Amino acid sequence: MMNTPISSHDNAALEKNTYDPNRLLDALIEKLHLKNDAALSRALEVAPPVISKIRHRRLPVGASLLIRMHEVTHLSIRELRELMGDRREKFRISDKQFKPKSS
């Protein structure tokens, strides 16, 4: 089997399709003309550690934060998801989310 080198175009396409929340955060900072993550956290009304944890992939971008990003930037949820490389067409919700907690 012969290995073919990946062209810069293929590499850019591959990079664009991979999950990277930093791309989303950087795009929001640019769109809102902010200086840094601290300014972004103020704009989104979240604690600064939330942005840091997302940047370091210790916290996923949750639905409520995605909605807040939409409200602040007026970008569609699909656009926001595409910025971070999330290309899923459908989402599965666990049955556990609808069951009441047992006491």
N, C-alpha and C. Protein backbone atom coordinates (compact mmCIF):
# COMPACT_ATOMS: atom_id res chain seq x y z
N MET A 1 0.85 -1.18 0.00
CA MET A 1 0.00 0.00 0.00
C MET A 1 0.89 1.24 0.00
N MET A 2 0.61 2.16 -0.89
CA MET A 2 1.43 3.34 -1.01
C MET A 2 0.80 4.51 -0.23
N ASN A 3 1.60 5.19 0.56
CA ASN A 3 1.10 6.35 1.28
C ASN A 3 1.18 7.57 0.38
N THR A 4 0.04 8.24 0.23
CA THR A 4 0.04 9.45 -0.57
C THR A 4 0.10 10.64 0.38
N PRO A 5 0.90 11.62 0.06
CA PRO A 5 0.99 12.78 0.95
C PRO A 5 -0.32 13.55 0.96
N ILE A 6 -0.61 14.14 2.10
CA ILE A 6 -1.82 14.96 2.22
C ILE A 6 -1.48 16.36 1.77
N SER A 7 -2.25 16.86 0.82
CA SER A 7 -2.00 18.22 0.33
C SER A 7 -2.45 19.23 1.39
N SER A 8 -2.00 20.45 1.25
CA SER A 8 -2.39 21.48 2.21
C SER A 8 -3.89 21.72 2.15
N HIS A 9 -4.49 21.56 0.94
CA HIS A 9 -5.95 21.73 0.80
C HIS A 9 -6.67 20.63 1.58
N ASP A 10 -6.21 19.35 1.42
CA ASP A 10 -6.83 18.23 2.13
C ASP A 10 -6.64 18.41 3.64
N ASN A 11 -5.48 18.85 4.04
CA ASN A 11 -5.18 19.04 5.45
C ASN A 11 -6.07 20.14 6.04
N ALA A 12 -6.29 21.21 5.30
CA ALA A 12 -7.16 22.29 5.77
C ALA A 12 -8.60 21.81 5.90
N ALA A 13 -9.04 21.00 4.94
CA ALA A 13 -10.40 20.45 5.00
C ALA A 13 -10.54 19.51 6.19
N LEU A 14 -9.53 18.68 6.41
CA LEU A 14 -9.56 17.75 7.53
C LEU A 14 -9.56 18.52 8.85
N GLU A 15 -8.74 19.56 8.93
CA GLU A 15 -8.66 20.37 10.14
C GLU A 15 -9.98 21.08 10.41
N LYS A 16 -10.64 21.54 9.36
CA LYS A 16 -11.91 22.25 9.51
C LYS A 16 -13.01 21.32 10.03
N ASN A 17 -12.93 20.03 9.70
CA ASN A 17 -13.96 19.08 10.08
C ASN A 17 -13.75 18.46 11.45
N THR A 18 -12.66 18.75 12.11
CA THR A 18 -12.42 18.17 13.42
C THR A 18 -12.94 19.11 14.50
N TYR A 19 -13.38 18.51 15.59
CA TYR A 19 -13.94 19.27 16.71
C TYR A 19 -12.85 20.13 17.34
N ASP A 20 -13.09 21.42 17.41
CA ASP A 20 -12.15 22.34 18.05
C ASP A 20 -12.92 23.53 18.61
N PRO A 21 -13.23 23.49 19.92
CA PRO A 21 -13.98 24.60 20.51
C PRO A 21 -13.21 25.92 20.49
N ASN A 22 -11.88 25.86 20.37
CA ASN A 22 -11.08 27.09 20.32
C ASN A 22 -11.43 27.92 19.09
N ARG A 23 -11.71 27.24 17.98
CA ARG A 23 -12.08 27.95 16.75
C ARG A 23 -13.37 28.74 16.98
N LEU A 24 -14.31 28.14 17.70
CA LEU A 24 -15.57 28.82 18.02
C LEU A 24 -15.31 30.02 18.91
N LEU A 25 -14.56 29.83 19.99
CA LEU A 25 -14.30 30.92 20.93
C LEU A 25 -13.55 32.06 20.25
N ASP A 26 -12.56 31.73 19.44
CA ASP A 26 -11.80 32.76 18.73
C ASP A 26 -12.69 33.53 17.75
N ALA A 27 -13.60 32.82 17.07
CA ALA A 27 -14.50 33.46 16.12
C ALA A 27 -15.45 34.42 16.85
N LEU A 28 -15.91 34.03 18.04
CA LEU A 28 -16.80 34.90 18.81
C LEU A 28 -16.07 36.15 19.27
N ILE A 29 -14.83 35.98 19.73
CA ILE A 29 -14.03 37.13 20.15
C ILE A 29 -13.86 38.10 18.99
N GLU A 30 -13.59 37.55 17.81
CA GLU A 30 -13.41 38.40 16.64
C GLU A 30 -14.71 39.08 16.24
N LYS A 31 -15.80 38.32 16.19
CA LYS A 31 -17.09 38.87 15.77
C LYS A 31 -17.57 39.97 16.70
N LEU A 32 -17.34 39.80 17.99
CA LEU A 32 -17.80 40.77 18.98
C LEU A 32 -16.77 41.87 19.26
N HIS A 33 -15.64 41.80 18.55
CA HIS A 33 -14.55 42.80 18.71
C HIS A 33 -14.09 42.88 20.16
N LEU A 34 -13.81 41.71 20.74
CA LEU A 34 -13.35 41.64 22.13
C LEU A 34 -11.85 41.42 22.16
N LYS A 35 -11.27 41.67 23.33
CA LYS A 35 -9.81 41.54 23.46
C LYS A 35 -9.36 40.15 23.85
N ASN A 36 -10.16 39.47 24.68
CA ASN A 36 -9.69 38.20 25.24
C ASN A 36 -10.83 37.37 25.79
N ASP A 37 -10.47 36.23 26.40
CA ASP A 37 -11.46 35.32 26.97
C ASP A 37 -12.24 35.95 28.12
N ALA A 38 -11.58 36.80 28.90
CA ALA A 38 -12.28 37.45 30.02
C ALA A 38 -13.40 38.34 29.50
N ALA A 39 -13.13 39.07 28.43
CA ALA A 39 -14.16 39.92 27.83
C ALA A 39 -15.28 39.06 27.24
N LEU A 40 -14.92 37.92 26.67
CA LEU A 40 -15.93 37.01 26.12
C LEU A 40 -16.82 36.46 27.24
N SER A 41 -16.22 36.11 28.36
CA SER A 41 -17.01 35.58 29.48
C SER A 41 -18.00 36.64 29.98
N ARG A 42 -17.58 37.90 29.99
CA ARG A 42 -18.49 38.98 30.41
C ARG A 42 -19.62 39.15 29.39
N ALA A 43 -19.29 39.09 28.10
CA ALA A 43 -20.30 39.24 27.06
C ALA A 43 -21.33 38.12 27.11
N LEU A 44 -20.86 36.90 27.42
CA LEU A 44 -21.77 35.74 27.48
C LEU A 44 -22.40 35.57 28.86
N GLU A 45 -21.94 36.38 29.81
CA GLU A 45 -22.42 36.32 31.20
C GLU A 45 -22.18 34.95 31.83
N VAL A 46 -20.96 34.45 31.64
CA VAL A 46 -20.54 33.20 32.28
C VAL A 46 -19.25 33.49 33.06
N ALA A 47 -18.95 32.65 34.02
CA ALA A 47 -17.73 32.81 34.81
C ALA A 47 -16.51 32.55 33.91
N PRO A 48 -15.44 33.31 34.10
CA PRO A 48 -14.23 33.10 33.28
C PRO A 48 -13.72 31.66 33.24
N PRO A 49 -13.79 30.90 34.36
CA PRO A 49 -13.31 29.52 34.28
C PRO A 49 -14.09 28.65 33.29
N VAL A 50 -15.32 29.01 32.99
CA VAL A 50 -16.11 28.24 32.01
C VAL A 50 -15.43 28.32 30.65
N ILE A 51 -15.04 29.51 30.24
CA ILE A 51 -14.36 29.67 28.95
C ILE A 51 -13.04 28.92 28.95
N SER A 52 -12.29 29.03 30.05
CA SER A 52 -11.01 28.33 30.17
C SER A 52 -11.18 26.82 30.06
N LYS A 53 -12.18 26.29 30.75
CA LYS A 53 -12.42 24.83 30.72
C LYS A 53 -12.83 24.37 29.33
N ILE A 54 -13.60 25.19 28.63
CA ILE A 54 -13.99 24.84 27.26
C ILE A 54 -12.75 24.85 26.37
N ARG A 55 -11.93 25.88 26.52
CA ARG A 55 -10.70 26.00 25.72
C ARG A 55 -9.77 24.82 25.92
N HIS A 56 -9.70 24.32 27.16
CA HIS A 56 -8.81 23.20 27.46
C HIS A 56 -9.52 21.84 27.37
N ARG A 57 -10.73 21.87 26.78
CA ARG A 57 -11.53 20.66 26.54
C ARG A 57 -11.85 19.86 27.79
N ARG A 58 -12.01 20.56 28.89
CA ARG A 58 -12.44 19.90 30.13
C ARG A 58 -13.93 20.07 30.34
N LEU A 59 -14.56 20.90 29.50
CA LEU A 59 -15.99 21.15 29.58
C LEU A 59 -16.53 21.29 28.16
N PRO A 60 -17.59 20.56 27.84
CA PRO A 60 -18.15 20.70 26.49
C PRO A 60 -18.97 22.00 26.38
N VAL A 61 -19.19 22.44 25.17
CA VAL A 61 -20.06 23.59 24.95
C VAL A 61 -21.48 23.05 25.06
N GLY A 62 -22.15 23.39 26.14
CA GLY A 62 -23.49 22.88 26.39
C GLY A 62 -24.56 23.64 25.64
N ALA A 63 -25.75 23.08 25.64
CA ALA A 63 -26.87 23.67 24.91
C ALA A 63 -27.19 25.08 25.40
N SER A 64 -27.20 25.30 26.70
CA SER A 64 -27.56 26.62 27.21
C SER A 64 -26.52 27.67 26.81
N LEU A 65 -25.25 27.29 26.80
CA LEU A 65 -24.21 28.23 26.39
C LEU A 65 -24.30 28.49 24.88
N LEU A 66 -24.60 27.46 24.11
CA LEU A 66 -24.77 27.63 22.66
C LEU A 66 -25.92 28.60 22.37
N ILE A 67 -26.99 28.48 23.12
CA ILE A 67 -28.13 29.38 22.96
C ILE A 67 -27.73 30.80 23.33
N ARG A 68 -26.97 30.94 24.41
CA ARG A 68 -26.51 32.28 24.82
C ARG A 68 -25.60 32.88 23.75
N MET A 69 -24.72 32.07 23.17
CA MET A 69 -23.85 32.54 22.09
C MET A 69 -24.69 33.03 20.91
N HIS A 70 -25.76 32.30 20.61
CA HIS A 70 -26.68 32.69 19.53
C HIS A 70 -27.34 34.03 19.85
N GLU A 71 -27.80 34.19 21.09
CA GLU A 71 -28.47 35.44 21.48
C GLU A 71 -27.54 36.65 21.37
N VAL A 72 -26.28 36.46 21.73
CA VAL A 72 -25.32 37.56 21.75
C VAL A 72 -24.81 37.88 20.35
N THR A 73 -24.56 36.84 19.54
CA THR A 73 -23.93 37.06 18.23
C THR A 73 -24.91 37.09 17.06
N HIS A 74 -26.10 36.57 17.27
CA HIS A 74 -27.11 36.42 16.21
C HIS A 74 -26.67 35.45 15.12
N LEU A 75 -25.66 34.62 15.42
CA LEU A 75 -25.30 33.53 14.52
C LEU A 75 -26.25 32.38 14.80
N SER A 76 -26.59 31.61 13.79
CA SER A 76 -27.49 30.47 14.01
C SER A 76 -26.76 29.39 14.81
N ILE A 77 -27.54 28.52 15.44
CA ILE A 77 -26.95 27.41 16.19
C ILE A 77 -26.12 26.55 15.24
N ARG A 78 -26.62 26.33 14.04
CA ARG A 78 -25.87 25.54 13.04
C ARG A 78 -24.53 26.20 12.74
N GLU A 79 -24.52 27.53 12.55
CA GLU A 79 -23.26 28.24 12.28
C GLU A 79 -22.29 28.10 13.45
N LEU A 80 -22.81 28.23 14.65
CA LEU A 80 -21.96 28.09 15.85
C LEU A 80 -21.37 26.70 15.93
N ARG A 81 -22.20 25.68 15.68
CA ARG A 81 -21.73 24.30 15.72
C ARG A 81 -20.69 24.04 14.64
N GLU A 82 -20.91 24.60 13.46
CA GLU A 82 -19.95 24.41 12.37
C GLU A 82 -18.61 25.08 12.70
N LEU A 83 -18.65 26.20 13.39
CA LEU A 83 -17.41 26.88 13.78
C LEU A 83 -16.52 26.00 14.66
N MET A 84 -17.15 25.18 15.49
CA MET A 84 -16.34 24.32 16.36
C MET A 84 -16.14 22.93 15.78
N GLY A 85 -16.65 22.70 14.56
CA GLY A 85 -16.41 21.42 13.90
C GLY A 85 -17.43 20.35 14.22
N ASP A 86 -18.55 20.73 14.80
CA ASP A 86 -19.62 19.76 15.11
C ASP A 86 -20.53 19.66 13.90
N ARG A 87 -20.46 18.54 13.19
CA ARG A 87 -21.22 18.37 11.96
C ARG A 87 -22.37 17.37 12.08
N ARG A 88 -22.73 17.01 13.31
CA ARG A 88 -23.80 16.02 13.47
C ARG A 88 -25.12 16.57 12.94
N GLU A 89 -25.84 15.72 12.26
CA GLU A 89 -27.15 16.11 11.74
C GLU A 89 -28.25 15.86 12.77
N LYS A 90 -28.08 14.81 13.56
CA LYS A 90 -29.09 14.44 14.55
C LYS A 90 -28.42 14.31 15.91
N PHE A 91 -29.21 14.54 16.94
CA PHE A 91 -28.73 14.40 18.30
C PHE A 91 -29.56 13.36 19.00
N ARG A 92 -28.92 12.52 19.74
CA ARG A 92 -29.64 11.51 20.52
C ARG A 92 -29.71 11.97 21.96
N ILE A 93 -30.88 11.84 22.53
CA ILE A 93 -31.08 12.20 23.93
C ILE A 93 -31.27 10.92 24.71
N SER A 94 -30.55 10.80 25.76
CA SER A 94 -30.61 9.61 26.59
C SER A 94 -31.98 9.49 27.27
N ASP A 95 -32.47 8.24 27.42
CA ASP A 95 -33.72 7.99 28.14
C ASP A 95 -33.62 8.47 29.58
N LYS A 96 -32.42 8.44 30.13
CA LYS A 96 -32.21 8.82 31.53
C LYS A 96 -32.58 10.28 31.78
N GLN A 97 -32.50 11.11 30.75
CA GLN A 97 -32.82 12.52 30.91
C GLN A 97 -34.31 12.75 31.17
N PHE A 98 -35.14 11.79 30.81
CA PHE A 98 -36.58 11.96 30.98
C PHE A 98 -37.13 11.22 32.17
N LYS A 99 -36.31 10.40 32.82
CA LYS A 99 -36.79 9.64 33.97
C LYS A 99 -36.59 10.45 35.25
N PRO A 100 -37.59 10.44 36.13
CA PRO A 100 -37.42 11.15 37.40
C PRO A 100 -36.37 10.46 38.26
N LYS A 101 -35.65 11.24 39.04
CA LYS A 101 -34.65 10.66 39.92
C LYS A 101 -35.34 9.92 41.05
N SER A 102 -34.81 8.73 41.36
CA SER A 102 -35.41 7.96 42.46
C SER A 102 -34.84 8.47 43.76
N SER A 103 -35.69 8.52 44.77
CA SER A 103 -35.24 9.06 46.06
C SER A 103 -34.70 8.01 46.99
